[in-house]
Structure formats: structure tokens, C-alpha cells
Protein backbone atom coordinates (compact mmCIF):
# COMPACT_ATOMS: atom_id res chain seq x y z
CA MET A 1 123.57 129.00 74.96
CA THR A 2 119.83 129.23 74.50
CA ILE A 3 117.18 126.60 75.09
CA ASP A 4 114.44 126.12 72.59
CA LEU A 5 111.17 125.85 74.44
CA HIS A 6 109.14 125.35 71.29
CA GLY A 7 106.80 128.18 72.41
CA PHE A 8 105.99 126.69 75.68
CA GLY A 9 107.74 129.45 77.82
CA PRO A 10 104.67 131.48 78.57
CA ALA A 11 102.69 128.26 79.44
CA LEU A 12 105.47 127.28 81.94
CA ALA A 13 105.41 130.81 83.46
CA VAL A 14 101.68 130.48 83.99
CA GLY A 15 102.18 127.03 85.53
CA ALA A 16 104.67 128.55 87.87
CA LEU A 17 102.09 131.16 88.89
CA MET A 18 99.63 128.23 89.46
CA THR A 19 102.11 126.57 91.60
CA VAL A 20 102.53 129.39 93.81
CA LYS A 21 98.86 130.13 94.23
CA LEU A 22 98.33 126.35 95.01
CA ALA A 23 101.21 126.33 97.61
CA LEU A 24 100.23 129.53 99.34
CA LEU A 25 96.54 128.57 99.78
CA ALA A 26 97.47 125.18 100.88
CA LEU A 27 99.95 126.69 103.33
CA CYS A 28 97.18 128.95 104.82
CA LEU A 29 94.73 126.07 105.15
CA GLY A 30 97.50 123.91 106.69
CA LEU A 31 98.56 126.50 109.28
CA VAL A 32 94.98 126.69 110.54
CA LEU A 33 94.47 122.87 110.64
CA GLY A 34 97.95 122.45 112.25
CA LEU A 35 97.22 125.13 115.00
CA LEU A 36 93.94 123.60 115.71
CA GLY A 37 95.38 120.07 115.71
CA ALA A 38 98.15 121.09 118.19
CA LEU A 39 95.75 122.82 120.49
CA ALA A 40 93.56 119.70 120.46
CA LYS A 41 96.60 117.49 121.17
CA THR A 42 97.70 119.57 124.10
CA SER A 43 94.20 119.90 125.39
CA SER A 44 93.20 118.76 128.85
CA HIS A 45 90.06 117.19 127.37
CA LYS A 46 90.58 113.52 126.31
CA PRO A 47 88.10 113.73 123.33
CA LEU A 48 89.99 116.60 121.77
CA ARG A 49 93.36 114.88 122.39
CA TRP A 50 91.96 111.82 120.72
CA LEU A 51 90.66 113.85 117.73
CA GLY A 52 94.04 115.55 117.26
CA GLU A 53 95.87 112.33 117.55
CA THR A 54 93.57 110.59 115.04
CA TYR A 55 93.92 113.42 112.51
CA SER A 56 97.67 113.53 112.50
CA THR A 57 98.01 109.75 112.55
CA ILE A 58 95.71 108.91 109.77
CA VAL A 59 96.76 111.82 107.47
CA ARG A 60 100.43 111.19 107.99
CA GLY A 61 99.99 107.45 107.34
CA VAL A 62 98.60 107.83 103.95
CA PRO A 63 100.82 109.12 100.91
CA GLU A 64 100.00 112.73 99.64
CA LEU A 65 99.25 111.36 96.18
CA LEU A 66 96.53 109.09 97.45
CA TRP A 67 94.92 112.06 99.33
CA VAL A 68 94.93 114.03 96.17
CA LEU A 69 93.15 111.27 94.32
CA LEU A 70 90.86 110.38 97.11
CA ILE A 71 89.69 114.00 97.65
CA TYR A 72 89.36 114.57 93.92
CA TYR A 73 87.54 111.54 92.92
CA GLY A 74 86.01 110.59 96.17
CA THR A 75 83.96 113.90 96.31
CA VAL A 76 82.19 113.34 93.03
CA ASN A 77 79.11 111.76 94.43
CA LEU A 78 79.03 114.12 97.34
CA MET A 79 79.17 117.29 95.16
CA ARG A 80 76.68 115.75 92.83
CA ALA A 81 74.21 115.16 95.75
CA LEU A 82 74.77 118.70 96.90
CA GLY A 83 74.25 120.07 93.46
CA GLU A 84 70.99 118.27 93.07
CA PHE A 85 69.91 119.61 96.47
CA PHE A 86 70.62 123.16 95.61
CA GLY A 87 69.41 122.87 92.02
CA ASN A 88 72.80 122.64 90.33
CA PRO A 89 73.46 119.12 89.19
CA GLU A 90 76.80 120.16 87.45
CA LEU A 91 78.32 121.08 90.78
CA GLU A 92 81.80 119.53 91.19
CA LEU A 93 85.06 120.08 92.89
CA ASN A 94 87.77 121.25 90.58
CA ALA A 95 91.35 120.16 90.42
CA PHE A 96 92.60 123.37 92.08
CA ALA A 97 90.26 123.23 94.96
CA ALA A 98 91.02 119.47 95.55
CA GLY A 99 94.69 120.19 95.38
CA VAL A 100 94.46 122.99 97.89
CA ILE A 101 92.39 120.75 100.21
CA ALA A 102 94.64 117.71 99.84
CA LEU A 103 97.88 119.50 100.16
CA GLY A 104 96.58 121.69 103.14
CA LEU A 105 95.30 118.59 105.00
CA CYS A 106 98.66 116.96 104.70
CA PHE A 107 100.62 120.03 105.59
CA GLY A 108 98.34 120.57 108.65
CA ALA A 109 98.93 117.05 109.97
CA TYR A 110 102.82 117.59 109.93
CA ALA A 111 102.30 121.20 111.26
CA THR A 112 100.38 119.87 114.15
CA GLU A 113 103.41 118.05 115.45
CA VAL A 114 105.65 121.07 114.88
CA PHE A 115 103.13 123.34 116.70
CA ARG A 116 102.71 120.94 119.55
CA GLY A 117 106.40 120.67 120.00
CA ALA A 118 106.64 124.43 120.18
CA ILE A 119 103.84 124.69 122.77
CA LEU A 120 105.44 122.18 125.06
CA ALA A 121 108.77 124.08 124.70
CA ILE A 122 107.25 127.14 126.44
CA PRO A 123 107.78 127.16 130.20
CA LYS A 124 104.77 126.61 132.25
CA GLY A 125 105.78 129.68 134.31
CA HIS A 126 104.84 131.94 131.40
CA ARG A 127 101.27 130.85 131.60
CA GLU A 128 101.34 131.17 135.38
CA ALA A 129 102.60 134.74 135.04
CA GLY A 130 99.69 135.53 132.68
CA VAL A 131 97.21 134.19 135.35
CA ALA A 132 98.87 136.11 138.06
CA LEU A 133 98.42 139.35 135.94
CA GLY A 134 94.68 138.56 135.68
CA LEU A 135 94.82 137.65 131.95
CA SER A 136 92.10 135.40 130.40
CA ARG A 137 93.16 132.22 128.75
CA PRO A 138 92.57 133.54 125.26
CA ARG A 139 94.73 136.67 126.01
CA ILE A 140 97.37 134.46 127.65
CA PHE A 141 97.50 132.46 124.44
CA ILE A 142 97.44 135.35 122.01
CA ARG A 143 99.82 137.71 123.93
CA LEU A 144 102.20 135.24 125.54
CA ILE A 145 102.17 131.73 124.02
CA LEU A 146 101.45 132.54 120.21
CA PRO A 147 104.46 134.84 119.67
CA GLN A 148 106.90 132.32 121.37
CA MET A 149 105.31 129.34 119.68
CA TRP A 150 105.68 131.11 116.32
CA ARG A 151 109.45 131.68 116.80
CA ILE A 152 110.10 128.12 117.99
CA ALA A 153 107.91 126.55 115.19
CA LEU A 154 109.03 128.68 112.36
CA PRO A 155 112.13 126.66 111.17
CA GLY A 156 110.11 123.44 111.15
CA LEU A 157 107.25 125.10 109.35
CA GLY A 158 109.85 126.43 106.84
CA ASN A 159 110.95 122.89 106.06
CA LEU A 160 107.48 121.71 105.56
CA PHE A 161 106.70 124.51 103.16
CA MET A 162 109.71 123.52 101.10
CA ILE A 163 108.25 119.94 100.92
CA LEU A 164 104.75 121.47 100.16
CA MET A 165 106.21 123.46 97.22
CA LYS A 166 107.53 120.34 95.64
CA ASP A 167 104.39 118.27 96.45
CA THR A 168 102.29 120.62 94.25
CA ALA A 169 103.58 118.61 91.38
CA LEU A 170 101.41 115.72 92.58
CA VAL A 171 98.37 117.73 91.66
CA SER A 172 99.31 117.31 87.92
CA VAL A 173 97.81 113.77 88.00
CA ILE A 174 94.25 115.22 88.23
CA GLY A 175 94.87 117.73 85.41
CA LEU A 176 95.76 120.86 87.17
CA GLU A 177 97.98 123.03 84.71
CA GLU A 178 100.89 123.74 87.13
CA ILE A 179 104.58 123.55 86.26
CA MET A 180 104.77 119.81 86.02
CA ARG A 181 101.51 119.47 83.98
CA HIS A 182 102.79 122.05 81.35
CA ALA A 183 106.06 120.31 81.26
CA GLN A 184 104.45 117.03 80.47
CA ILE A 185 102.36 118.51 77.67
CA ALA A 186 105.44 120.21 76.23
CA VAL A 187 107.33 116.87 76.27
CA THR A 188 104.49 115.04 74.48
CA VAL A 189 104.62 117.63 71.70
CA SER A 190 108.26 118.38 71.42
CA LYS A 191 109.57 114.70 72.31
CA GLN A 192 112.36 116.41 74.26
CA PRO A 193 111.73 115.00 77.90
CA PHE A 194 115.14 116.03 79.28
CA THR A 195 115.06 119.57 78.28
CA PHE A 196 111.39 120.31 79.73
CA TYR A 197 111.98 118.37 82.87
CA MET A 198 115.26 120.02 83.47
CA VAL A 199 113.47 123.41 83.02
CA ALA A 200 110.87 122.37 85.40
CA ALA A 201 113.53 121.30 87.91
CA VAL A 202 115.14 124.75 87.69
CA MET A 203 111.77 126.45 88.12
CA TYR A 204 111.11 124.48 91.32
CA LEU A 205 114.61 125.18 92.44
CA GLY A 206 114.20 128.92 91.83
CA LEU A 207 110.86 128.84 93.86
CA THR A 208 112.58 127.03 96.59
CA ILE A 209 115.37 129.57 96.85
CA ILE A 210 112.92 132.55 96.88
CA SER A 211 110.98 130.66 99.57
CA MET A 212 114.10 130.04 101.69
CA THR A 213 115.17 133.90 101.39
CA GLY A 214 111.62 134.86 102.66
CA LEU A 215 111.77 132.19 105.48
CA HIS A 216 115.24 133.34 106.57
CA TYR A 217 113.95 137.02 106.86
CA LEU A 218 110.86 135.83 108.98
CA GLU A 219 113.13 133.84 111.30
CA LYS A 220 115.40 136.86 111.89
CA ARG A 221 112.42 139.00 112.40
CA ALA A 222 110.79 136.46 114.93
CA ALA A 223 113.97 136.14 116.82
CA ARG A 224 114.95 139.88 117.22
CA GLY A 225 113.89 140.20 120.85
CA PHE A 226 114.97 136.85 121.87
CA VAL A 227 118.50 137.51 120.36
CA ARG A 228 118.78 140.84 122.26
CA THR A 229 117.91 139.14 125.49
CA THR A 230 120.45 136.26 125.17
């Protein structure tokens, strides 16, 4: 049995590539924001703790779709002002950049809690051992804390990435031509919504399975030394 895609097969493939690029860039941004947020929330300085708590609370309290719309439409005047200042009045934030920022911002807020939990799960004696060895605080974090934190946080981060992969569909509302946007265009032309939305669902499922396979490999690799010790 073959499915007639009415010539939209290549467009859907391009949309899948756009979805992957959007998810990976948002992941990179979100990991950085999440790590910074976790370090802020576990800091001994009250202003940093307040800043980390404010970031994670506000971002998690607003739906992802609203962040996409707020960042895309809310930056119009700002980008126009910057464009006029630098002599380029046509300067604007495109849909791809807005999507990366919005999804990365949301991923980072949830990743903050995952990283925070991982940091708190590491025994304090490990830090004390680093101090006893004469290591500086940055080296203690990089050599002792970060590898253990990564192993503990990886399953939670994997779940968040699964959600992020599906949330890329939200960016279709601002015109980014990813899987969902191409499926909507195909439905408008062909008048076959079930066919193309089912194809889109299968494509998202395929990307999820591939991601799960990669995450399973990363989890096994991160736990190698730990498994031998136990």
C-alpha cells in the first residue's frame, strides 16, 4: 500500500531537517541556560539564588506557545530600534531565531531543576576531597562535580528533549516551515487532513525513536565507571 503525498514528500523531508536543526540548537541554548540557572539556584549568594528562582518560575509558569509568540512579535520594535541605530531599518528577528530562543528558554527553565537536583545528589564529601587535594573551585566543578552531575541528570534531560522535539511544532504558528507547517500547507492544497497529519505523526515518532536510541547510548556511556564500581 502506497500513500499519495501529492508531491509534498520532498517538502516534508525539508521540514524534518528544519525540525532537527531547531531542536538541536534549542537544546544547546537550553543546556547552557539550565546549567547557569542551576548554579545560580545552588549558589551561596542570595541575589543569584533569587535570579535563578525567578527565571525558572516565570518561564515554567507561561505556556511555550505564548513564549514563541511573545518573543517573535515582542521583539519587533526592539529589533527595529537596533536596526535604525546601526543603519539597517529592515533588521528583524526571523521565525527560526525566535523559535530557537523561545524553545531554548523553556528547555533551560526545566533543565535548571534537573541540574539542580543532580548537583544536590552529589555527596558533599566529594567537594571536600577536592579541597583537600588543593584543587580550585572551578577544577573541582569540572573534574569532580560535572561528570557525576551529567550522569545523574541525563535521564531527566532526555525526557525534556523528547518534549522539546514535539514542541518544535509550536513554531509553525509564526510561519517556520518545519514538519507541521508543511503538513498544514499540504492539507490546504490536497484537502486530505488525515493523510498528512498521520504522516507528520509518523515523522515525529521516527525522530523520537532515533533520539531515544542516541540517549540510551549516552546513558550507558555515562554510567560505565559507575556500573563497574557497583
